[in-house]
């Protein structure tokens, strides 16, 4: 009973320390709770706490002890034949190794996690590991393989009716298509993601996707050899930029507002409306100056001098 009360106390202290980003304090409590689990012979619990300890070390910017604790956690989980815990540990290790740029190791751990997720019926975990594998292939500039991984992960999110992850993974699919140079194809994925974020009321995520769609239409318009088709893409870009601008202002995001005003100005120049572009560019330069980004303000002032 006393051990149980101590564990409850430690878990509360760990939660509070993490909320305050006091990683040193959280690590101390986690190390103590690992000791208690080992003393009780509960290696599955020890494995889970070691995994949390590893993640805390990583959040504290200490990847080496993070990976060492993950390895110890794997030993405990395997000794208990706790496949579900092993699955989570392997996947989290794979993600951290990806972030560290250790791609071969990341793929090995993530593929092991995928196999166990299939074995234990962890569909949600399988979607996460597929996403992380896709991101590894994105980092390795293998967007075709990455797209297939992201598509499988999005399909799993749909099966689980997990709309936030459907939207997130659609964005990854769009990014992979952009890396392949398939700009028109990427639009459908970002558009579907934007629709979901709008339904969820997540304005920041919606604004990001709408801005990307605007940038894609502007890019396609600049590459288009048919003047009529180019104009349609520029018109679409302006519509998306205007919509995103409204969201940026509602959220009080001056940096995004300035970037969007500058983008609108550039598109207006592309379609030959130089005088109309001036007002947007001047407003953008003014905001950049206000937020202390003198370099971007000066770039716009130089462009304005060439337009006059």
C-alpha atoms as a PDB file:
ATOM      1  CA  UNK A   1       0.000   0.000   0.000  1.00  0.00           C
ATOM      2  CA  UNK A   2       2.832   2.362   0.881  1.00  0.00           C
ATOM      3  CA  UNK A   3       4.541   1.605  -2.462  1.00  0.00           C
ATOM      4  CA  UNK A   4       1.317   2.377  -4.308  1.00  0.00           C
ATOM      5  CA  UNK A   5       0.915   5.714  -2.516  1.00  0.00           C
ATOM      6  CA  UNK A   6       4.530   6.589  -3.294  1.00  0.00           C
ATOM      7  CA  UNK A   7       4.011   5.767  -6.985  1.00  0.00           C
ATOM      8  CA  UNK A   8       0.895   7.935  -7.134  1.00  0.00           C
ATOM      9  CA  UNK A   9       2.829  10.786  -5.508  1.00  0.00           C
ATOM     10  CA  UNK A  10       5.763  10.387  -7.893  1.00  0.00           C
ATOM     11  CA  UNK A  11       3.515  10.281 -10.954  1.00  0.00           C
ATOM     12  CA  UNK A  12       1.855  13.504  -9.806  1.00  0.00           C
ATOM     13  CA  UNK A  13       5.242  15.157  -9.260  1.00  0.00           C
ATOM     14  CA  UNK A  14       6.444  13.987 -12.679  1.00  0.00           C
ATOM     15  CA  UNK A  15       3.362  15.434 -14.354  1.00  0.00           C
ATOM     16  CA  UNK A  16       3.775  18.784 -12.593  1.00  0.00           C
ATOM     17  CA  UNK A  17       7.495  18.959 -13.371  1.00  0.00           C
ATOM     18  CA  UNK A  18       6.861  18.284 -17.065  1.00  0.00           C
ATOM     19  CA  UNK A  19       4.123  20.909 -17.179  1.00  0.00           C
ATOM     20  CA  UNK A  20       6.693  23.402 -15.874  1.00  0.00           C
ATOM     21  CA  UNK A  21       9.386  22.101 -18.288  1.00  0.00           C
ATOM     22  CA  UNK A  22      11.516  21.277 -15.241  1.00  0.00           C
ATOM     23  CA  UNK A  23      13.194  18.306 -16.868  1.00  0.00           C
ATOM     24  CA  UNK A  24      15.863  17.791 -14.198  1.00  0.00           C
ATOM     25  CA  UNK A  25      13.191  17.379 -11.514  1.00  0.00           C
ATOM     26  CA  UNK A  26      11.091  15.104 -13.731  1.00  0.00           C
ATOM     27  CA  UNK A  27      14.122  12.931 -14.477  1.00  0.00           C
ATOM     28  CA  UNK A  28      14.858  12.517 -10.781  1.00  0.00           C
ATOM     29  CA  UNK A  29      11.298  11.385 -10.030  1.00  0.00           C
ATOM     30  CA  UNK A  30      11.229   9.079 -13.058  1.00  0.00           C
ATOM     31  CA  UNK A  31      14.470   7.416 -12.001  1.00  0.00           C
ATOM     32  CA  UNK A  32      12.959   6.785  -8.568  1.00  0.00           C
ATOM     33  CA  UNK A  33       9.761   5.287  -9.983  1.00  0.00           C
ATOM     34  CA  UNK A  34      11.830   3.003 -12.234  1.00  0.00           C
ATOM     35  CA  UNK A  35      13.683   1.770  -9.130  1.00  0.00           C
ATOM     36  CA  UNK A  36      10.387   1.017  -7.369  1.00  0.00           C
ATOM     37  CA  UNK A  37       9.079  -0.936 -10.372  1.00  0.00           C
ATOM     38  CA  UNK A  38      12.286  -2.998 -10.532  1.00  0.00           C
ATOM     39  CA  UNK A  39      12.209  -3.654  -6.766  1.00  0.00           C
ATOM     40  CA  UNK A  40       8.664  -4.983  -7.161  1.00  0.00           C
ATOM     41  CA  UNK A  41       9.773  -7.157 -10.083  1.00  0.00           C
ATOM     42  CA  UNK A  42       7.346  -5.414 -12.446  1.00  0.00           C
ATOM     43  CA  UNK A  43       9.530  -5.193 -15.537  1.00  0.00           C
ATOM     44  CA  UNK A  44       6.654  -4.119 -17.799  1.00  0.00           C
ATOM     45  CA  UNK A  45       6.092  -1.061 -15.605  1.00  0.00           C
ATOM     46  CA  UNK A  46       9.840  -0.457 -15.465  1.00  0.00           C
ATOM     47  CA  UNK A  47       9.958  -0.561 -19.284  1.00  0.00           C
ATOM     48  CA  UNK A  48       7.153   2.014 -19.573  1.00  0.00           C
ATOM     49  CA  UNK A  49       8.742   4.343 -17.016  1.00  0.00           C
ATOM     50  CA  UNK A  50      12.146   3.974 -18.684  1.00  0.00           C
ATOM     51  CA  UNK A  51      10.518   4.922 -21.975  1.00  0.00           C
ATOM     52  CA  UNK A  52       9.099   8.064 -20.377  1.00  0.00           C
ATOM     53  CA  UNK A  53      12.491   8.767 -18.824  1.00  0.00           C
ATOM     54  CA  UNK A  54      14.084   8.435 -22.268  1.00  0.00           C
ATOM     55  CA  UNK A  55      11.591  10.854 -23.816  1.00  0.00           C
ATOM     56  CA  UNK A  56      12.209  13.333 -21.003  1.00  0.00           C
ATOM     57  CA  UNK A  57      15.979  13.176 -21.542  1.00  0.00           C
ATOM     58  CA  UNK A  58      15.361  13.824 -25.232  1.00  0.00           C
ATOM     59  CA  UNK A  59      13.107  16.804 -24.492  1.00  0.00           C
ATOM     60  CA  UNK A  60      15.903  18.097 -22.248  1.00  0.00           C
ATOM     61  CA  UNK A  61      18.296  17.993 -25.231  1.00  0.00           C
ATOM     62  CA  UNK A  62      20.206  14.903 -24.101  1.00  0.00           C
ATOM     63  CA  UNK A  63      19.827  12.285 -26.867  1.00  0.00           C
ATOM     64  CA  UNK A  64      22.544   9.887 -25.649  1.00  0.00           C
ATOM     65  CA  UNK A  65      20.997   9.090 -22.241  1.00  0.00           C
ATOM     66  CA  UNK A  66      17.605   9.043 -23.990  1.00  0.00           C
ATOM     67  CA  UNK A  67      18.691   6.261 -26.321  1.00  0.00           C
ATOM     68  CA  UNK A  68      20.467   4.403 -23.500  1.00  0.00           C
ATOM     69  CA  UNK A  69      17.257   4.386 -21.440  1.00  0.00           C
ATOM     70  CA  UNK A  70      15.266   3.217 -24.440  1.00  0.00           C
ATOM     71  CA  UNK A  71      17.661   0.276 -24.846  1.00  0.00           C
ATOM     72  CA  UNK A  72      17.284  -0.633 -21.170  1.00  0.00           C
ATOM     73  CA  UNK A  73      13.515  -0.334 -21.502  1.00  0.00           C
ATOM     74  CA  UNK A  74      13.570  -2.733 -24.467  1.00  0.00           C
ATOM     75  CA  UNK A  75      15.474  -5.299 -22.404  1.00  0.00           C
ATOM     76  CA  UNK A  76      12.815  -5.111 -19.681  1.00  0.00           C
ATOM     77  CA  UNK A  77       9.902  -5.301 -22.112  1.00  0.00           C
ATOM     78  CA  UNK A  78      11.405  -8.279 -23.948  1.00  0.00           C
ATOM     79  CA  UNK A  79      12.147 -10.117 -20.710  1.00  0.00           C
ATOM     80  CA  UNK A  80       8.422  -9.848 -19.879  1.00  0.00           C
ATOM     81  CA  UNK A  81       7.425 -10.554 -23.487  1.00  0.00           C
ATOM     82  CA  UNK A  82       5.437  -7.309 -23.363  1.00  0.00           C
ATOM     83  CA  UNK A  83       5.029  -6.820 -27.102  1.00  0.00           C
ATOM     84  CA  UNK A  84       2.757  -3.792 -26.883  1.00  0.00           C
ATOM     85  CA  UNK A  85       5.283  -1.849 -24.785  1.00  0.00           C
ATOM     86  CA  UNK A  86       8.122  -3.057 -27.029  1.00  0.00           C
ATOM     87  CA  UNK A  87       6.172  -1.755 -30.017  1.00  0.00           C
ATOM     88  CA  UNK A  88       5.900   1.744 -28.540  1.00  0.00           C
ATOM     89  CA  UNK A  89       9.544   1.827 -27.486  1.00  0.00           C
ATOM     90  CA  UNK A  90      10.809   0.796 -30.929  1.00  0.00           C
ATOM     91  CA  UNK A  91       8.626   3.358 -32.669  1.00  0.00           C
ATOM     92  CA  UNK A  92       9.674   6.202 -30.393  1.00  0.00           C
ATOM     93  CA  UNK A  93      13.325   5.261 -30.785  1.00  0.00           C
ATOM     94  CA  UNK A  94      12.892   5.262 -34.550  1.00  0.00           C
ATOM     95  CA  UNK A  95      11.392   8.733 -34.495  1.00  0.00           C
ATOM     96  CA  UNK A  96      14.177  10.137 -32.320  1.00  0.00           C
ATOM     97  CA  UNK A  97      16.833   8.536 -34.534  1.00  0.00           C
ATOM     98  CA  UNK A  98      15.148  10.144 -37.551  1.00  0.00           C
ATOM     99  CA  UNK A  99      15.301  13.550 -35.867  1.00  0.00           C
ATOM    100  CA  UNK A 100      18.987  12.922 -35.153  1.00  0.00           C
ATOM    101  CA  UNK A 101      19.593  12.140 -38.834  1.00  0.00           C
ATOM    102  CA  UNK A 102      20.475   8.482 -38.165  1.00  0.00           C
ATOM    103  CA  UNK A 103      18.203   7.265 -40.927  1.00  0.00           C
ATOM    104  CA  UNK A 104      19.346   3.641 -41.350  1.00  0.00           C
ATOM    105  CA  UNK A 105      18.859   2.958 -37.649  1.00  0.00           C
ATOM    106  CA  UNK A 106      15.562   4.838 -37.671  1.00  0.00           C
ATOM    107  CA  UNK A 107      14.204   2.661 -40.479  1.00  0.00           C
ATOM    108  CA  UNK A 108      15.310  -0.515 -38.704  1.00  0.00           C
ATOM    109  CA  UNK A 109      13.516   0.369 -35.479  1.00  0.00           C
ATOM    110  CA  UNK A 110      10.412   1.701 -37.231  1.00  0.00           C
ATOM    111  CA  UNK A 111      10.107  -1.417 -39.384  1.00  0.00           C
ATOM    112  CA  UNK A 112      10.427  -3.596 -36.275  1.00  0.00           C
ATOM    113  CA  UNK A 113       7.698  -1.515 -34.630  1.00  0.00           C
ATOM    114  CA  UNK A 114       5.484  -1.925 -37.703  1.00  0.00           C
ATOM    115  CA  UNK A 115       5.781  -5.707 -37.556  1.00  0.00           C
ATOM    116  CA  UNK A 116       4.864  -5.817 -33.862  1.00  0.00           C
ATOM    117  CA  UNK A 117       2.006  -3.350 -34.356  1.00  0.00           C
ATOM    118  CA  UNK A 118       0.587  -5.700 -36.982  1.00  0.00           C
ATOM    119  CA  UNK A 119       1.069  -8.668 -34.652  1.00  0.00           C
ATOM    120  CA  UNK A 120      -0.665  -7.090 -31.635  1.00  0.00           C
ATOM    121  CA  UNK A 121      -3.369  -5.314 -33.657  1.00  0.00           C
ATOM    122  CA  UNK A 122      -2.179  -1.807 -32.826  1.00  0.00           C
ATOM    123  CA  UNK A 123      -3.676  -0.005 -35.819  1.00  0.00           C
ATOM    124  CA  UNK A 124      -3.125   3.483 -34.364  1.00  0.00           C
ATOM    125  CA  UNK A 125       0.548   2.715 -33.679  1.00  0.00           C
ATOM    126  CA  UNK A 126       0.943   1.312 -37.172  1.00  0.00           C
ATOM    127  CA  UNK A 127      -0.303   4.599 -38.621  1.00  0.00           C
ATOM    128  CA  UNK A 128       2.172   6.586 -36.541  1.00  0.00           C
ATOM    129  CA  UNK A 129       5.136   4.388 -37.503  1.00  0.00           C
ATOM    130  CA  UNK A 130       4.158   4.518 -41.205  1.00  0.00           C
ATOM    131  CA  UNK A 131       4.051   8.318 -40.961  1.00  0.00           C
ATOM    132  CA  UNK A 132       7.484   8.442 -39.360  1.00  0.00           C
ATOM    133  CA  UNK A 133       8.890   6.058 -41.975  1.00  0.00           C
ATOM    134  CA  UNK A 134       7.450   8.313 -44.652  1.00  0.00           C
ATOM    135  CA  UNK A 135       9.196  11.284 -43.067  1.00  0.00           C
ATOM    136  CA  UNK A 136      12.483   9.341 -43.103  1.00  0.00           C
ATOM    137  CA  UNK A 137      12.099   8.797 -46.845  1.00  0.00           C
ATOM    138  CA  UNK A 138      11.178  12.469 -47.287  1.00  0.00           C
ATOM    139  CA  UNK A 139      14.395  13.408 -45.471  1.00  0.00           C
ATOM    140  CA  UNK A 140      16.327  11.011 -47.719  1.00  0.00           C
ATOM    141  CA  UNK A 141      14.801  12.728 -50.794  1.00  0.00           C
ATOM    142  CA  UNK A 142      12.813   9.638 -51.759  1.00  0.00           C
ATOM    143  CA  UNK A 143       9.385  11.306 -52.100  1.00  0.00           C
ATOM    144  CA  UNK A 144       7.809   8.502 -54.142  1.00  0.00           C
ATOM    145  CA  UNK A 145       8.382   5.953 -51.389  1.00  0.00           C
ATOM    146  CA  UNK A 146       7.447   8.553 -48.769  1.00  0.00           C
ATOM    147  CA  UNK A 147       4.127   9.269 -50.488  1.00  0.00           C
ATOM    148  CA  UNK A 148       3.149   5.587 -50.387  1.00  0.00           C
ATOM    149  CA  UNK A 149       3.901   5.463 -46.636  1.00  0.00           C
ATOM    150  CA  UNK A 150       1.910   8.645 -45.945  1.00  0.00           C
ATOM    151  CA  UNK A 151      -1.006   7.362 -48.016  1.00  0.00           C
ATOM    152  CA  UNK A 152      -1.147   4.116 -46.024  1.00  0.00           C
ATOM    153  CA  UNK A 153      -0.980   6.124 -42.791  1.00  0.00           C
ATOM    154  CA  UNK A 154      -3.812   8.413 -43.954  1.00  0.00           C
ATOM    155  CA  UNK A 155      -5.936   5.375 -44.846  1.00  0.00           C
ATOM    156  CA  UNK A 156      -5.480   4.045 -41.300  1.00  0.00           C
ATOM    157  CA  UNK A 157      -6.481   7.413 -39.821  1.00  0.00           C
ATOM    158  CA  UNK A 158      -9.642   7.343 -41.956  1.00  0.00           C
ATOM    159  CA  UNK A 159     -10.462   3.847 -40.691  1.00  0.00           C
ATOM    160  CA  UNK A 160     -10.089   5.122 -37.124  1.00  0.00           C
ATOM    161  CA  UNK A 161     -12.191   8.247 -37.872  1.00  0.00           C
ATOM    162  CA  UNK A 162      -9.191  10.260 -36.649  1.00  0.00           C
ATOM    163  CA  UNK A 163      -9.763  13.481 -38.579  1.00  0.00           C
ATOM    164  CA  UNK A 164      -6.801  15.474 -37.146  1.00  0.00           C
ATOM    165  CA  UNK A 165      -4.385  12.768 -38.278  1.00  0.00           C
ATOM    166  CA  UNK A 166      -6.130  12.405 -41.643  1.00  0.00           C
ATOM    167  CA  UNK A 167      -5.493  16.121 -42.206  1.00  0.00           C
ATOM    168  CA  UNK A 168      -1.899  15.953 -40.959  1.00  0.00           C
ATOM    169  CA  UNK A 169      -1.076  12.984 -43.175  1.00  0.00           C
ATOM    170  CA  UNK A 170      -2.764  14.538 -46.206  1.00  0.00           C
ATOM    171  CA  UNK A 171      -0.345  17.436 -45.709  1.00  0.00           C
ATOM    172  CA  UNK A 172       2.579  15.004 -45.732  1.00  0.00           C
ATOM    173  CA  UNK A 173       1.219  13.497 -48.960  1.00  0.00           C
ATOM    174  CA  UNK A 174       1.020  16.975 -50.451  1.00  0.00           C
ATOM    175  CA  UNK A 175       4.617  17.734 -49.444  1.00  0.00           C
ATOM    176  CA  UNK A 176       5.823  14.509 -51.070  1.00  0.00           C
ATOM    177  CA  UNK A 177       3.979  15.397 -54.284  1.00  0.00           C
ATOM    178  CA  UNK A 178       5.592  18.851 -54.256  1.00  0.00           C
ATOM    179  CA  UNK A 179       9.023  17.215 -53.882  1.00  0.00           C
ATOM    180  CA  UNK A 180       8.178  15.074 -56.914  1.00  0.00           C
ATOM    181  CA  UNK A 181       7.298  18.220 -58.869  1.00  0.00           C
ATOM    182  CA  UNK A 182       3.638  17.169 -59.106  1.00  0.00           C
ATOM    183  CA  UNK A 183       2.260  20.561 -58.084  1.00  0.00           C
ATOM    184  CA  UNK A 184      -1.241  20.139 -59.520  1.00  0.00           C
ATOM    185  CA  UNK A 185      -1.621  16.768 -57.801  1.00  0.00           C
ATOM    186  CA  UNK A 186      -0.463  18.197 -54.476  1.00  0.00           C
ATOM    187  CA  UNK A 187      -3.308  20.735 -54.486  1.00  0.00           C
ATOM    188  CA  UNK A 188      -5.973  18.099 -53.864  1.00  0.00           C
ATOM    189  CA  UNK A 189      -4.256  16.848 -50.694  1.00  0.00           C
ATOM    190  CA  UNK A 190      -3.697  20.296 -49.205  1.00  0.00           C
ATOM    191  CA  UNK A 191      -7.261  21.294 -50.126  1.00  0.00           C
ATOM    192  CA  UNK A 192      -8.758  18.256 -48.398  1.00  0.00           C
ATOM    193  CA  UNK A 193      -6.563  18.899 -45.345  1.00  0.00           C
ATOM    194  CA  UNK A 194      -7.728  22.542 -45.277  1.00  0.00           C
ATOM    195  CA  UNK A 195     -11.382  21.458 -45.423  1.00  0.00           C
ATOM    196  CA  UNK A 196     -10.869  19.155 -42.434  1.00  0.00           C
ATOM    197  CA  UNK A 197      -9.082  21.817 -40.386  1.00  0.00           C
ATOM    198  CA  UNK A 198     -11.893  24.261 -41.162  1.00  0.00           C
ATOM    199  CA  UNK A 199     -14.450  21.710 -39.916  1.00  0.00           C
ATOM    200  CA  UNK A 200     -12.369  21.180 -36.769  1.00  0.00           C
ATOM    201  CA  UNK A 201     -12.103  24.927 -36.138  1.00  0.00           C
ATOM    202  CA  UNK A 202      -8.301  24.830 -36.143  1.00  0.00           C
ATOM    203  CA  UNK A 203      -7.611  28.231 -37.684  1.00  0.00           C
ATOM    204  CA  UNK A 204      -3.829  28.154 -37.392  1.00  0.00           C
ATOM    205  CA  UNK A 205      -3.571  24.830 -39.230  1.00  0.00           C
ATOM    206  CA  UNK A 206      -6.175  26.007 -41.746  1.00  0.00           C
ATOM    207  CA  UNK A 207      -4.232  29.216 -42.433  1.00  0.00           C
ATOM    208  CA  UNK A 208      -1.003  27.299 -43.020  1.00  0.00           C
ATOM    209  CA  UNK A 209      -2.635  24.998 -45.599  1.00  0.00           C
ATOM    210  CA  UNK A 210      -4.480  27.829 -47.335  1.00  0.00           C
ATOM    211  CA  UNK A 211      -1.218  29.748 -47.615  1.00  0.00           C
ATOM    212  CA  UNK A 212       0.501  26.717 -49.129  1.00  0.00           C
ATOM    213  CA  UNK A 213      -2.330  26.332 -51.660  1.00  0.00           C
ATOM    214  CA  UNK A 214      -1.929  29.998 -52.591  1.00  0.00           C
ATOM    215  CA  UNK A 215       1.818  29.532 -53.054  1.00  0.00           C
ATOM    216  CA  UNK A 216       1.248  26.460 -55.229  1.00  0.00           C
ATOM    217  CA  UNK A 217      -1.195  28.283 -57.509  1.00  0.00           C
ATOM    218  CA  UNK A 218       1.253  31.189 -57.813  1.00  0.00           C
ATOM    219  CA  UNK A 219       4.111  28.794 -58.641  1.00  0.00           C
ATOM    220  CA  UNK A 220       2.044  26.906 -61.221  1.00  0.00           C
ATOM    221  CA  UNK A 221       0.922  30.200 -62.752  1.00  0.00           C
ATOM    222  CA  UNK A 222       4.514  31.350 -63.183  1.00  0.00           C
ATOM    223  CA  UNK A 223       5.404  28.082 -64.929  1.00  0.00           C
ATOM    224  CA  UNK A 224       2.289  27.977 -67.116  1.00  0.00           C
ATOM    225  CA  UNK A 225       2.854  28.673 -70.833  1.00  0.00           C
ATOM    226  CA  UNK A 226      -0.845  29.219 -71.589  1.00  0.00           C
ATOM    227  CA  UNK A 227      -1.661  32.833 -70.577  1.00  0.00           C
ATOM    228  CA  UNK A 228      -5.309  32.007 -69.819  1.00  0.00           C
ATOM    229  CA  UNK A 229      -4.380  29.068 -67.589  1.00  0.00           C
ATOM    230  CA  UNK A 230      -1.732  31.201 -65.867  1.00  0.00           C
ATOM    231  CA  UNK A 231      -4.307  33.906 -65.106  1.00  0.00           C
ATOM    232  CA  UNK A 232      -6.653  31.332 -63.569  1.00  0.00           C
ATOM    233  CA  UNK A 233      -3.898  30.124 -61.246  1.00  0.00           C
ATOM    234  CA  UNK A 234      -2.930  33.685 -60.299  1.00  0.00           C
ATOM    235  CA  UNK A 235      -6.601  34.468 -59.586  1.00  0.00           C
ATOM    236  CA  UNK A 236      -6.826  31.375 -57.382  1.00  0.00           C
ATOM    237  CA  UNK A 237      -3.598  32.352 -55.592  1.00  0.00           C
ATOM    238  CA  UNK A 238      -4.997  35.803 -54.778  1.00  0.00           C
ATOM    239  CA  UNK A 239      -8.241  34.297 -53.474  1.00  0.00           C
ATOM    240  CA  UNK A 240      -6.384  31.939 -51.145  1.00  0.00           C
ATOM    241  CA  UNK A 241      -3.997  34.671 -49.990  1.00  0.00           C
ATOM    242  CA  UNK A 242      -6.920  36.998 -49.187  1.00  0.00           C
ATOM    243  CA  UNK A 243      -8.652  34.263 -47.213  1.00  0.00           C
ATOM    244  CA  UNK A 244      -5.465  33.444 -45.316  1.00  0.00           C
ATOM    245  CA  UNK A 245      -4.837  37.147 -44.674  1.00  0.00           C
ATOM    246  CA  UNK A 246      -8.166  37.407 -42.885  1.00  0.00           C
ATOM    247  CA  UNK A 247      -7.262  34.481 -40.640  1.00  0.00           C
ATOM    248  CA  UNK A 248      -3.811  35.939 -39.897  1.00  0.00           C
ATOM    249  CA  UNK A 249      -5.363  39.239 -38.839  1.00  0.00           C
ATOM    250  CA  UNK A 250      -7.973  37.490 -36.693  1.00  0.00           C
ATOM    251  CA  UNK A 251      -5.204  35.541 -34.948  1.00  0.00           C
ATOM    252  CA  UNK A 252      -3.028  38.634 -34.454  1.00  0.00           C
ATOM    253  CA  UNK A 253      -0.119  37.212 -36.465  1.00  0.00           C
ATOM    254  CA  UNK A 254       1.730  40.220 -37.994  1.00  0.00           C
ATOM    255  CA  UNK A 255       4.571  38.122 -39.458  1.00  0.00           C
ATOM    256  CA  UNK A 256       2.143  36.011 -41.498  1.00  0.00           C
ATOM    257  CA  UNK A 257       0.154  39.118 -42.423  1.00  0.00           C
ATOM    258  CA  UNK A 258       3.282  40.783 -43.821  1.00  0.00           C
ATOM    259  CA  UNK A 259       4.321  37.655 -45.741  1.00  0.00           C
ATOM    260  CA  UNK A 260       0.850  37.384 -47.278  1.00  0.00           C
ATOM    261  CA  UNK A 261       0.745  41.061 -48.248  1.00  0.00           C
ATOM    262  CA  UNK A 262       4.121  40.624 -49.940  1.00  0.00           C
ATOM    263  CA  UNK A 263       2.897  37.488 -51.754  1.00  0.00           C
ATOM    264  CA  UNK A 264      -0.228  39.306 -52.968  1.00  0.00           C
ATOM    265  CA  UNK A 265       1.964  42.140 -54.225  1.00  0.00           C
ATOM    266  CA  UNK A 266       4.190  39.746 -56.177  1.00  0.00           C
ATOM    267  CA  UNK A 267       1.211  38.033 -57.827  1.00  0.00           C
ATOM    268  CA  UNK A 268      -0.276  41.403 -58.797  1.00  0.00           C
ATOM    269  CA  UNK A 269       3.052  42.261 -60.426  1.00  0.00           C
ATOM    270  CA  UNK A 270       2.945  38.913 -62.278  1.00  0.00           C
ATOM    271  CA  UNK A 271      -0.432  39.810 -63.803  1.00  0.00           C
ATOM    272  CA  UNK A 272       0.689  43.337 -64.692  1.00  0.00           C
ATOM    273  CA  UNK A 273      -1.164  45.295 -61.967  1.00  0.00           C
ATOM    274  CA  UNK A 274       1.876  47.193 -60.737  1.00  0.00           C
ATOM    275  CA  UNK A 275       0.056  50.145 -59.208  1.00  0.00           C
ATOM    276  CA  UNK A 276      -2.294  47.882 -57.280  1.00  0.00           C
ATOM    277  CA  UNK A 277       0.724  45.916 -56.027  1.00  0.00           C
ATOM    278  CA  UNK A 278       2.332  49.007 -54.512  1.00  0.00           C
ATOM    279  CA  UNK A 279      -0.184  49.390 -51.693  1.00  0.00           C
ATOM    280  CA  UNK A 280       0.147  45.764 -50.583  1.00  0.00           C
ATOM    281  CA  UNK A 281       3.945  45.914 -50.732  1.00  0.00           C
ATOM    282  CA  UNK A 282       4.107  49.178 -48.789  1.00  0.00           C
ATOM    283  CA  UNK A 283       1.901  47.709 -46.057  1.00  0.00           C
ATOM    284  CA  UNK A 284       4.087  44.603 -45.951  1.00  0.00           C
ATOM    285  CA  UNK A 285       7.266  46.674 -45.628  1.00  0.00           C
ATOM    286  CA  UNK A 286       5.685  48.748 -42.852  1.00  0.00           C
ATOM    287  CA  UNK A 287       4.746  45.644 -40.829  1.00  0.00           C
ATOM    288  CA  UNK A 288       8.181  44.069 -41.341  1.00  0.00           C
ATOM    289  CA  UNK A 289       9.748  47.267 -39.999  1.00  0.00           C
ATOM    290  CA  UNK A 290       7.418  47.258 -36.999  1.00  0.00           C
ATOM    291  CA  UNK A 291       8.332  43.688 -36.056  1.00  0.00           C
ATOM    292  CA  UNK A 292      12.039  44.337 -36.544  1.00  0.00           C
ATOM    293  CA  UNK A 293      12.685  42.410 -39.779  1.00  0.00           C
ATOM    294  CA  UNK A 294      14.683  45.150 -41.500  1.00  0.00           C
ATOM    295  CA  UNK A 295      16.084  42.817 -44.172  1.00  0.00           C
ATOM    296  CA  UNK A 296      12.675  41.927 -45.619  1.00  0.00           C
ATOM    297  CA  UNK A 297      11.495  45.518 -45.324  1.00  0.00           C
ATOM    298  CA  UNK A 298      14.549  46.691 -47.295  1.00  0.00           C
ATOM    299  CA  UNK A 299      14.015  44.016 -49.953  1.00  0.00           C
ATOM    300  CA  UNK A 300      10.483  45.277 -50.501  1.00  0.00           C
ATOM    301  CA  UNK A 301      11.613  48.919 -50.541  1.00  0.00           C
ATOM    302  CA  UNK A 302      14.140  48.000 -53.245  1.00  0.00           C
ATOM    303  CA  UNK A 303      11.393  46.332 -55.301  1.00  0.00           C
ATOM    304  CA  UNK A 304       9.137  49.360 -54.861  1.00  0.00           C
ATOM    305  CA  UNK A 305      11.882  51.681 -56.107  1.00  0.00           C
ATOM    306  CA  UNK A 306      12.107  49.613 -59.307  1.00  0.00           C
ATOM    307  CA  UNK A 307       8.323  49.771 -59.795  1.00  0.00           C
ATOM    308  CA  UNK A 308       8.140  53.568 -59.523  1.00  0.00           C
END
